[in-house]
Amino acid sequence: MSAYRTPPHALLLSAILPGAGHAVIGEWLRGLSLLVPWCTLGGLAFITWERITRVNAGSLDDYIAVGTLSVLLFTLWATALWDLGVRRRRELAIRGDSQWSIAAKQFKRNKLAIAGLAIVLLLYLVALLAPLLAPHDPIAQSDIARTGYLSPRPGNWLGTDRFGRDVLSRIIYGSRISLAIGFVATAISITIGTLLGAAAGYFGGKVDAVIMRFTDMVLAFPRLILLIMIVALFSPSITVIIVVLGLTQWPGTTRIVRGDVLSLREREFIHAAQALGMSRFRIMMRHVIPNVLAPVIVTATLGIGNTIVMEAGLSFLGLGVQAPTPTWGSMVADGKDNLIGAWWVATFPGLTIVTVVLAFNLVGDGLRDALDPRLRT
């Protein structure tokens, strides 16, 4: 280990203003990556200080927003100090790179993937900080004749809908529904698909036949028709939408994992584990599944974007989360009847859907290139 020590004045500057210490030692880019988010979040806290002080009388959403803001500010501050005090010493030490660190370096070289990741993180941050960022109440209505269908202007930067509700505020609050449904539903489908695919590939025989025939049967149904039929049988709600989307998206993951496990179970370390007397279940959970995580991660990233589109489609058809709760799909549906006179009502939510799905696809492509050694350059 090298005897390098960070200058004390650099640590002091970073303790006062995260990122400033990096500038002192010449790491301008890394310092700006810490300083800009810190100043942005600090400015947000200053602007919304009145809302923050009223959090005790607020709702759970307010507590989540203020808690998220506090955690982010502390994390940036601690990261700046850790980066100066620990990271630089580690970089000077002689050590090998793991496969995950090599993949991370490869991912960082993909500028489009990094841009997509930045957009995804920004949108999830907006969703968590929605009560502090939204300029208006997303479901508030006043004088509809006076405030309905206002074009984009100061105070209503993206205009208003037919009920006089602020479009920007509804997009911000709608991000919580769309992004949460996309993440949770995909997590359910990935978990089910990974477990079923690993069991089918590792155990083989009758277990493989039963699981894969059931998977083929699910794939035989048109997914959109199946979703509409199931949702129509129940009262549409966030829980129903998440469960339905999660339970209809797993077959693709199952087939991918099964294919990888079929080749993986013949590897030497699996035979060694069997020779040591490990149970089948333990081998599958500790050795098989961890070694198929790379394609699963890529599938999950791409699946979130697809799930968001499916949720938007259900909301557009009136089978998603019911009004007045804002979702991107329902906002597009609200504006479809007046695309000429009030184009902004449907255009901005539609562009948001396109942006977030494109961002997830860019991240998925970047992860695929980084995690597959055959695609590394």
Protein backbone atom coordinates (compact mmCIF):
# COMPACT_ATOMS: atom_id res chain seq x y z
CA MET A 1 0.00 0.00 0.00
CA SER A 2 1.33 3.43 -0.94
CA ALA A 3 2.06 6.01 1.75
CA TYR A 4 0.19 8.70 -0.19
CA ARG A 5 -1.88 11.06 1.95
CA THR A 6 -4.42 13.61 0.77
CA PRO A 7 -3.47 17.21 1.69
CA PRO A 8 -5.36 18.25 4.86
CA HIS A 9 -6.55 21.52 3.31
CA ALA A 10 -8.19 19.54 0.46
CA LEU A 11 -10.12 17.43 2.98
CA LEU A 12 -11.13 20.59 4.87
CA LEU A 13 -12.41 22.24 1.70
CA SER A 14 -14.43 19.15 0.79
CA ALA A 15 -15.89 19.06 4.29
CA ILE A 16 -17.10 22.65 3.78
CA LEU A 17 -18.05 22.39 0.10
CA PRO A 18 -18.10 18.87 -1.44
CA GLY A 19 -15.97 18.75 -4.58
CA ALA A 20 -13.86 21.82 -3.78
CA GLY A 21 -11.03 19.68 -2.41
CA HIS A 22 -10.79 17.80 -5.69
CA ALA A 23 -10.30 21.08 -7.54
CA VAL A 24 -7.36 21.93 -5.28
CA ILE A 25 -5.50 18.75 -6.24
CA GLY A 26 -6.37 19.13 -9.94
CA GLU A 27 -9.28 16.67 -10.29
CA TRP A 28 -11.69 19.19 -11.79
CA LEU A 29 -14.07 16.76 -13.50
CA ARG A 30 -14.55 14.58 -10.43
CA GLY A 31 -14.94 17.68 -8.26
CA LEU A 32 -17.61 19.18 -10.53
CA SER A 33 -19.51 15.88 -10.53
CA LEU A 34 -19.88 16.31 -6.76
CA LEU A 35 -20.12 20.09 -6.55
CA VAL A 36 -22.86 20.62 -9.15
CA PRO A 37 -25.36 18.12 -7.61
CA TRP A 38 -24.58 19.48 -4.12
CA CYS A 39 -25.26 23.07 -5.17
CA THR A 40 -28.38 22.05 -7.10
CA LEU A 41 -29.86 20.15 -4.17
CA GLY A 42 -28.81 22.90 -1.76
CA GLY A 43 -30.53 25.47 -3.98
CA LEU A 44 -33.65 23.31 -4.04
CA ALA A 45 -33.63 23.13 -0.24
CA PHE A 46 -33.27 26.92 -0.03
CA ILE A 47 -36.09 27.58 -2.52
CA THR A 48 -38.48 25.11 -0.90
CA TRP A 49 -37.48 25.84 2.71
CA GLU A 50 -41.01 26.96 3.57
CA ARG A 51 -42.42 23.61 2.42
CA ILE A 52 -39.70 21.74 4.29
CA THR A 53 -40.51 23.52 7.56
CA ARG A 54 -44.16 22.49 7.19
CA VAL A 55 -43.33 18.81 6.84
CA ASN A 56 -44.64 17.96 10.32
CA ALA A 57 -48.12 18.87 9.13
CA GLY A 58 -47.65 17.21 5.76
CA SER A 59 -48.30 13.76 4.36
CA LEU A 60 -46.09 10.71 3.93
CA ASP A 61 -45.06 12.05 0.51
CA ASP A 62 -43.62 15.15 2.17
CA TYR A 63 -41.61 13.05 4.63
CA ILE A 64 -40.26 10.92 1.78
CA ALA A 65 -39.26 14.00 -0.24
CA VAL A 66 -37.52 15.75 2.66
CA GLY A 67 -35.85 12.52 3.78
CA THR A 68 -34.59 11.86 0.25
CA LEU A 69 -33.19 15.39 -0.02
CA SER A 70 -31.41 15.07 3.34
CA VAL A 71 -29.95 11.66 2.48
CA LEU A 72 -28.69 12.88 -0.90
CA LEU A 73 -26.99 15.94 0.61
CA PHE A 74 -25.29 13.82 3.27
CA THR A 75 -24.31 11.15 0.73
CA LEU A 76 -22.63 13.71 -1.53
CA TRP A 77 -20.77 15.22 1.42
CA ALA A 78 -19.59 11.81 2.70
CA THR A 79 -18.69 10.65 -0.83
CA ALA A 80 -16.48 13.70 -1.37
CA LEU A 81 -14.52 12.98 1.81
CA TRP A 82 -14.30 9.23 1.15
CA ASP A 83 -13.22 9.84 -2.43
CA LEU A 84 -10.30 11.98 -1.31
CA GLY A 85 -9.30 9.96 1.73
CA VAL A 86 -9.76 6.37 0.55
CA ARG A 87 -10.25 6.11 -3.17
CA ARG A 88 -6.94 7.75 -4.12
CA ARG A 89 -4.97 5.47 -1.81
CA ARG A 90 -6.70 2.43 -3.29
CA GLU A 91 -5.91 3.54 -6.81
CA LEU A 92 -2.22 3.71 -5.92
CA ALA A 93 -2.25 0.20 -4.48
CA ILE A 94 -1.28 -2.73 -6.71
CA ARG A 95 -4.36 -4.86 -7.13
CA GLY A 96 -6.17 -6.92 -9.77
CA ASP A 97 -9.52 -6.14 -11.33
CA SER A 98 -12.57 -8.33 -10.89
CA GLN A 99 -14.91 -9.11 -13.76
CA TRP A 100 -17.47 -6.68 -12.33
CA SER A 101 -14.92 -3.84 -12.13
CA ILE A 102 -13.84 -4.55 -15.72
CA ALA A 103 -17.48 -4.43 -16.80
CA ALA A 104 -17.97 -1.14 -14.93
CA LYS A 105 -15.00 0.41 -16.73
CA GLN A 106 -16.35 -0.82 -20.06
CA PHE A 107 -19.77 0.62 -19.25
CA LYS A 108 -18.27 4.02 -18.42
CA ARG A 109 -16.75 4.18 -21.91
CA ASN A 110 -20.23 4.02 -23.46
CA LYS A 111 -21.33 7.67 -23.50
CA LEU A 112 -24.88 6.91 -24.64
CA ALA A 113 -25.32 4.39 -21.82
CA ILE A 114 -24.01 6.92 -19.28
CA ALA A 115 -26.43 9.54 -20.65
CA GLY A 116 -29.30 7.04 -20.37
CA LEU A 117 -28.31 6.19 -16.80
CA ALA A 118 -28.18 9.89 -15.91
CA ILE A 119 -31.71 10.38 -17.29
CA VAL A 120 -33.01 7.34 -15.38
CA LEU A 121 -31.48 8.50 -12.09
CA LEU A 122 -32.79 12.03 -12.66
CA LEU A 123 -36.33 10.79 -13.27
CA TYR A 124 -36.30 8.61 -10.14
CA LEU A 125 -34.95 11.58 -8.20
CA VAL A 126 -37.77 13.74 -9.55
CA ALA A 127 -40.28 11.08 -8.49
CA LEU A 128 -38.93 11.01 -4.93
CA LEU A 129 -38.77 14.81 -4.65
CA ALA A 130 -42.14 15.41 -6.34
CA PRO A 131 -43.75 17.39 -3.46
CA LEU A 132 -40.78 19.80 -3.47
CA LEU A 133 -40.48 20.13 -7.25
CA ALA A 134 -44.09 20.34 -8.43
CA PRO A 135 -45.17 24.00 -8.71
CA HIS A 136 -48.89 23.18 -8.22
CA ASP A 137 -51.19 20.55 -6.78
CA PRO A 138 -51.56 17.96 -9.60
CA ILE A 139 -55.28 17.40 -8.98
CA ALA A 140 -56.31 20.92 -7.96
CA GLN A 141 -59.06 22.55 -10.04
CA SER A 142 -60.19 26.15 -9.83
CA ASP A 143 -62.06 28.21 -12.45
CA ILE A 144 -62.11 25.77 -15.36
CA ALA A 145 -63.41 28.38 -17.81
CA ARG A 146 -60.47 30.65 -17.02
CA THR A 147 -57.65 28.15 -16.41
CA GLY A 148 -58.56 25.30 -18.78
CA TYR A 149 -56.32 24.66 -21.80
CA LEU A 150 -53.82 27.42 -21.05
CA SER A 151 -50.83 27.26 -23.39
CA PRO A 152 -47.29 26.98 -21.90
CA ARG A 153 -46.40 30.19 -20.03
CA PRO A 154 -44.62 31.37 -16.87
CA GLY A 155 -46.35 29.80 -13.89
CA ASN A 156 -47.67 26.96 -16.07
CA TRP A 157 -44.52 26.07 -17.97
CA LEU A 158 -46.11 23.15 -19.84
CA GLY A 159 -49.66 24.55 -19.92
CA THR A 160 -52.83 23.20 -18.34
CA ASP A 161 -55.37 20.53 -19.29
CA ARG A 162 -59.11 20.94 -19.77
CA PHE A 163 -59.72 21.03 -16.00
CA GLY A 164 -57.06 23.70 -15.43
CA ARG A 165 -54.59 21.27 -13.85
CA ASP A 166 -50.91 22.04 -14.35
CA VAL A 167 -49.37 19.61 -16.87
CA LEU A 168 -45.83 19.88 -15.45
CA SER A 169 -47.02 19.05 -11.93
CA ARG A 170 -49.01 16.08 -13.22
CA ILE A 171 -45.99 14.77 -15.16
CA ILE A 172 -43.82 15.05 -12.05
CA TYR A 173 -46.35 13.23 -9.86
CA GLY A 174 -47.12 10.77 -12.66
CA SER A 175 -43.47 9.73 -12.71
CA ARG A 176 -43.93 8.18 -9.27
CA ILE A 177 -46.69 5.89 -10.54
CA SER A 178 -45.13 4.94 -13.87
CA LEU A 179 -41.58 4.43 -12.58
CA ALA A 180 -42.72 2.57 -9.45
CA ILE A 181 -44.92 0.22 -11.46
CA GLY A 182 -42.12 -0.37 -13.97
CA PHE A 183 -39.55 -1.17 -11.26
CA VAL A 184 -41.69 -3.33 -8.95
CA ALA A 185 -43.46 -5.26 -11.73
CA THR A 186 -40.14 -5.98 -13.43
CA ALA A 187 -38.61 -7.10 -10.11
CA ILE A 188 -41.46 -9.59 -9.67
CA SER A 189 -41.17 -10.95 -13.21
CA ILE A 190 -37.36 -11.19 -13.04
CA THR A 191 -37.50 -13.06 -9.73
CA ILE A 192 -40.06 -15.55 -10.99
CA GLY A 193 -38.34 -16.00 -14.34
CA THR A 194 -34.89 -16.49 -12.82
CA LEU A 195 -36.04 -19.09 -10.29
CA LEU A 196 -38.12 -21.05 -12.81
CA GLY A 197 -35.42 -20.89 -15.49
CA ALA A 198 -32.70 -21.99 -13.07
CA ALA A 199 -34.83 -24.89 -11.81
CA ALA A 200 -35.72 -26.01 -15.34
CA GLY A 201 -32.14 -25.85 -16.57
CA TYR A 202 -30.45 -27.41 -13.54
CA PHE A 203 -32.88 -30.19 -12.56
CA GLY A 204 -33.87 -31.09 -16.15
CA GLY A 205 -36.10 -34.07 -16.86
CA LYS A 206 -39.74 -33.81 -15.85
CA VAL A 207 -39.16 -30.55 -13.97
CA ASP A 208 -37.77 -28.96 -17.14
CA ALA A 209 -40.62 -30.34 -19.27
CA VAL A 210 -43.38 -29.09 -16.95
CA ILE A 211 -41.89 -25.61 -16.46
CA MET A 212 -41.12 -25.03 -20.14
CA ARG A 213 -44.48 -26.29 -21.39
CA PHE A 214 -46.21 -23.94 -18.93
CA THR A 215 -43.93 -21.14 -20.15
CA ASP A 216 -44.84 -21.89 -23.77
CA MET A 217 -48.52 -21.84 -22.85
CA VAL A 218 -48.18 -18.38 -21.27
CA LEU A 219 -46.24 -17.12 -24.30
CA ALA A 220 -49.01 -18.39 -26.60
CA PHE A 221 -51.48 -15.84 -25.24
CA PRO A 222 -51.31 -12.33 -26.74
CA ARG A 223 -49.98 -10.36 -23.78
CA LEU A 224 -51.98 -7.17 -24.30
CA ILE A 225 -55.24 -9.08 -24.67
CA LEU A 226 -54.40 -11.10 -21.56
CA LEU A 227 -53.64 -7.93 -19.60
CA ILE A 228 -56.88 -6.25 -20.68
CA MET A 229 -58.91 -9.34 -19.77
CA ILE A 230 -57.36 -9.73 -16.31
CA VAL A 231 -57.50 -6.02 -15.40
CA ALA A 232 -61.10 -5.78 -16.61
CA LEU A 233 -62.09 -8.54 -14.16
CA PHE A 234 -60.83 -6.53 -11.17
CA SER A 235 -61.10 -2.95 -10.04
CA PRO A 236 -58.03 -1.23 -11.59
CA SER A 237 -55.54 -0.11 -8.95
CA ILE A 238 -51.79 0.25 -8.56
CA THR A 239 -51.55 -3.13 -6.82
CA VAL A 240 -53.54 -4.93 -9.51
CA ILE A 241 -51.52 -3.33 -12.32
CA ILE A 242 -48.19 -4.26 -10.67
CA VAL A 243 -49.23 -7.87 -10.00
CA VAL A 244 -50.71 -8.39 -13.47
CA LEU A 245 -47.68 -6.92 -15.27
CA GLY A 246 -45.27 -8.82 -13.04
CA LEU A 247 -47.02 -12.18 -13.53
CA THR A 248 -47.18 -11.91 -17.34
CA GLN A 249 -43.63 -10.80 -18.16
CA TRP A 250 -41.52 -13.63 -16.74
CA PRO A 251 -41.51 -16.20 -19.62
CA GLY A 252 -38.80 -14.39 -21.60
CA THR A 253 -36.48 -14.35 -18.59
CA THR A 254 -37.18 -18.03 -17.92
CA ARG A 255 -36.06 -19.06 -21.39
CA ILE A 256 -32.88 -16.96 -21.22
CA VAL A 257 -31.86 -18.26 -17.78
CA ARG A 258 -32.64 -21.88 -18.70
CA GLY A 259 -30.39 -21.68 -21.74
CA ASP A 260 -27.47 -20.34 -19.69
CA VAL A 261 -27.96 -22.87 -16.88
CA LEU A 262 -27.99 -25.81 -19.30
CA SER A 263 -24.39 -25.01 -20.26
CA LEU A 264 -23.39 -23.84 -16.79
CA ARG A 265 -24.33 -27.07 -15.01
CA GLU A 266 -21.67 -28.96 -16.95
CA ARG A 267 -18.85 -26.69 -15.75
CA GLU A 268 -16.09 -28.00 -13.51
CA PHE A 269 -16.95 -25.96 -10.41
CA ILE A 270 -20.51 -27.34 -10.43
CA HIS A 271 -19.16 -30.90 -10.57
CA ALA A 272 -16.78 -30.02 -7.75
CA ALA A 273 -19.66 -28.75 -5.60
CA GLN A 274 -21.56 -31.97 -6.28
CA ALA A 275 -18.54 -34.03 -5.33
CA LEU A 276 -18.32 -32.17 -2.01
CA GLY A 277 -21.85 -33.32 -1.20
CA MET A 278 -23.67 -30.01 -1.55
CA SER A 279 -27.42 -30.27 -2.04
CA ARG A 280 -28.95 -29.41 -5.40
CA PHE A 281 -30.83 -26.47 -3.93
CA ARG A 282 -27.67 -25.03 -2.37
CA ILE A 283 -25.70 -25.42 -5.59
CA MET A 284 -28.44 -23.71 -7.58
CA MET A 285 -28.79 -20.77 -5.17
CA ARG A 286 -25.09 -20.23 -4.39
CA HIS A 287 -23.34 -21.17 -7.63
CA VAL A 288 -25.77 -21.35 -10.55
CA ILE A 289 -27.98 -18.26 -10.14
CA PRO A 290 -25.10 -15.84 -9.28
CA ASN A 291 -23.38 -16.88 -12.52
CA VAL A 292 -26.39 -16.01 -14.70
CA LEU A 293 -26.96 -12.57 -13.22
CA ALA A 294 -25.36 -10.73 -16.15
CA PRO A 295 -28.10 -11.52 -18.72
CA VAL A 296 -30.74 -11.17 -16.00
CA ILE A 297 -29.58 -7.62 -15.23
CA VAL A 298 -29.74 -6.69 -18.92
CA THR A 299 -33.20 -8.26 -19.26
CA ALA A 300 -34.42 -6.38 -16.19
CA THR A 301 -33.18 -3.04 -17.49
CA LEU A 302 -34.87 -3.50 -20.85
CA GLY A 303 -37.97 -4.92 -19.16
CA ILE A 304 -38.58 -1.79 -17.08
CA GLY A 305 -38.97 0.28 -20.24
CA ASN A 306 -41.35 -2.27 -21.76
CA THR A 307 -43.39 -2.39 -18.55
CA ILE A 308 -43.73 1.40 -18.49
CA VAL A 309 -45.04 1.30 -22.06
CA MET A 310 -47.55 -1.44 -21.17
CA GLU A 311 -48.76 0.51 -18.14
CA ALA A 312 -49.12 3.63 -20.27
CA GLY A 313 -51.12 1.63 -22.81
CA LEU A 314 -53.48 0.32 -20.13
CA SER A 315 -53.92 3.83 -18.72
CA PHE A 316 -54.59 5.15 -22.22
CA LEU A 317 -57.36 2.56 -22.59
CA GLY A 318 -58.82 3.53 -19.20
CA LEU A 319 -57.77 0.26 -17.53
CA GLY A 320 -54.84 1.65 -15.57
CA VAL A 321 -54.71 3.63 -12.33
CA GLN A 322 -57.96 5.54 -12.10
CA ALA A 323 -58.48 9.32 -12.05
CA PRO A 324 -57.68 11.73 -10.55
CA THR A 325 -54.29 10.06 -9.86
CA PRO A 326 -52.02 11.25 -12.69
CA THR A 327 -50.14 8.78 -14.87
CA TRP A 328 -48.38 9.46 -18.14
CA GLY A 329 -50.68 7.18 -20.12
CA SER A 330 -53.88 8.72 -18.75
CA MET A 331 -52.52 12.20 -19.50
CA VAL A 332 -51.96 11.24 -23.14
CA ALA A 333 -55.51 9.87 -23.22
CA ASP A 334 -56.86 13.14 -21.77
CA GLY A 335 -55.23 15.14 -24.55
CA LYS A 336 -56.08 12.91 -27.52
CA ASP A 337 -59.41 14.68 -28.16
CA ASN A 338 -57.81 18.11 -28.62
CA LEU A 339 -54.46 17.49 -30.28
CA ILE A 340 -54.76 20.58 -32.47
CA GLY A 341 -56.06 23.19 -30.06
CA ALA A 342 -54.18 21.96 -26.97
CA TRP A 343 -51.29 19.90 -28.30
CA TRP A 344 -49.26 20.28 -25.10
CA VAL A 345 -51.63 18.16 -23.00
CA ALA A 346 -50.70 14.92 -24.79
CA THR A 347 -47.34 15.90 -26.32
CA PHE A 348 -45.29 16.48 -23.17
CA PRO A 349 -46.38 13.27 -21.36
CA GLY A 350 -45.81 11.36 -24.59
CA LEU A 351 -42.30 12.79 -24.94
CA THR A 352 -41.63 11.84 -21.32
CA ILE A 353 -42.59 8.22 -22.01
CA VAL A 354 -40.37 8.14 -25.10
CA THR A 355 -37.45 9.66 -23.17
CA VAL A 356 -37.59 7.27 -20.21
CA VAL A 357 -38.01 4.16 -22.38
CA LEU A 358 -35.14 5.26 -24.62
CA ALA A 359 -32.98 5.89 -21.54
CA PHE A 360 -33.66 2.40 -20.15
CA ASN A 361 -32.91 0.86 -23.56
CA LEU A 362 -29.60 2.73 -23.76
CA VAL A 363 -28.65 1.50 -20.30
CA GLY A 364 -29.65 -2.04 -21.24
CA ASP A 365 -27.56 -1.96 -24.42
CA GLY A 366 -24.60 -0.57 -22.48
CA LEU A 367 -24.88 -3.29 -19.83
CA ARG A 368 -25.13 -5.98 -22.52
CA ASP A 369 -21.93 -4.75 -24.17
CA ALA A 370 -20.12 -4.40 -20.83
CA LEU A 371 -21.14 -7.72 -19.29
CA ASP A 372 -20.56 -9.87 -22.39
CA PRO A 373 -16.80 -10.48 -22.79
CA ARG A 374 -17.31 -11.32 -26.47
CA LEU A 375 -18.61 -7.79 -27.17
CA ARG A 376 -15.84 -5.92 -25.30
CA THR A 377 -13.42 -3.91 -27.41
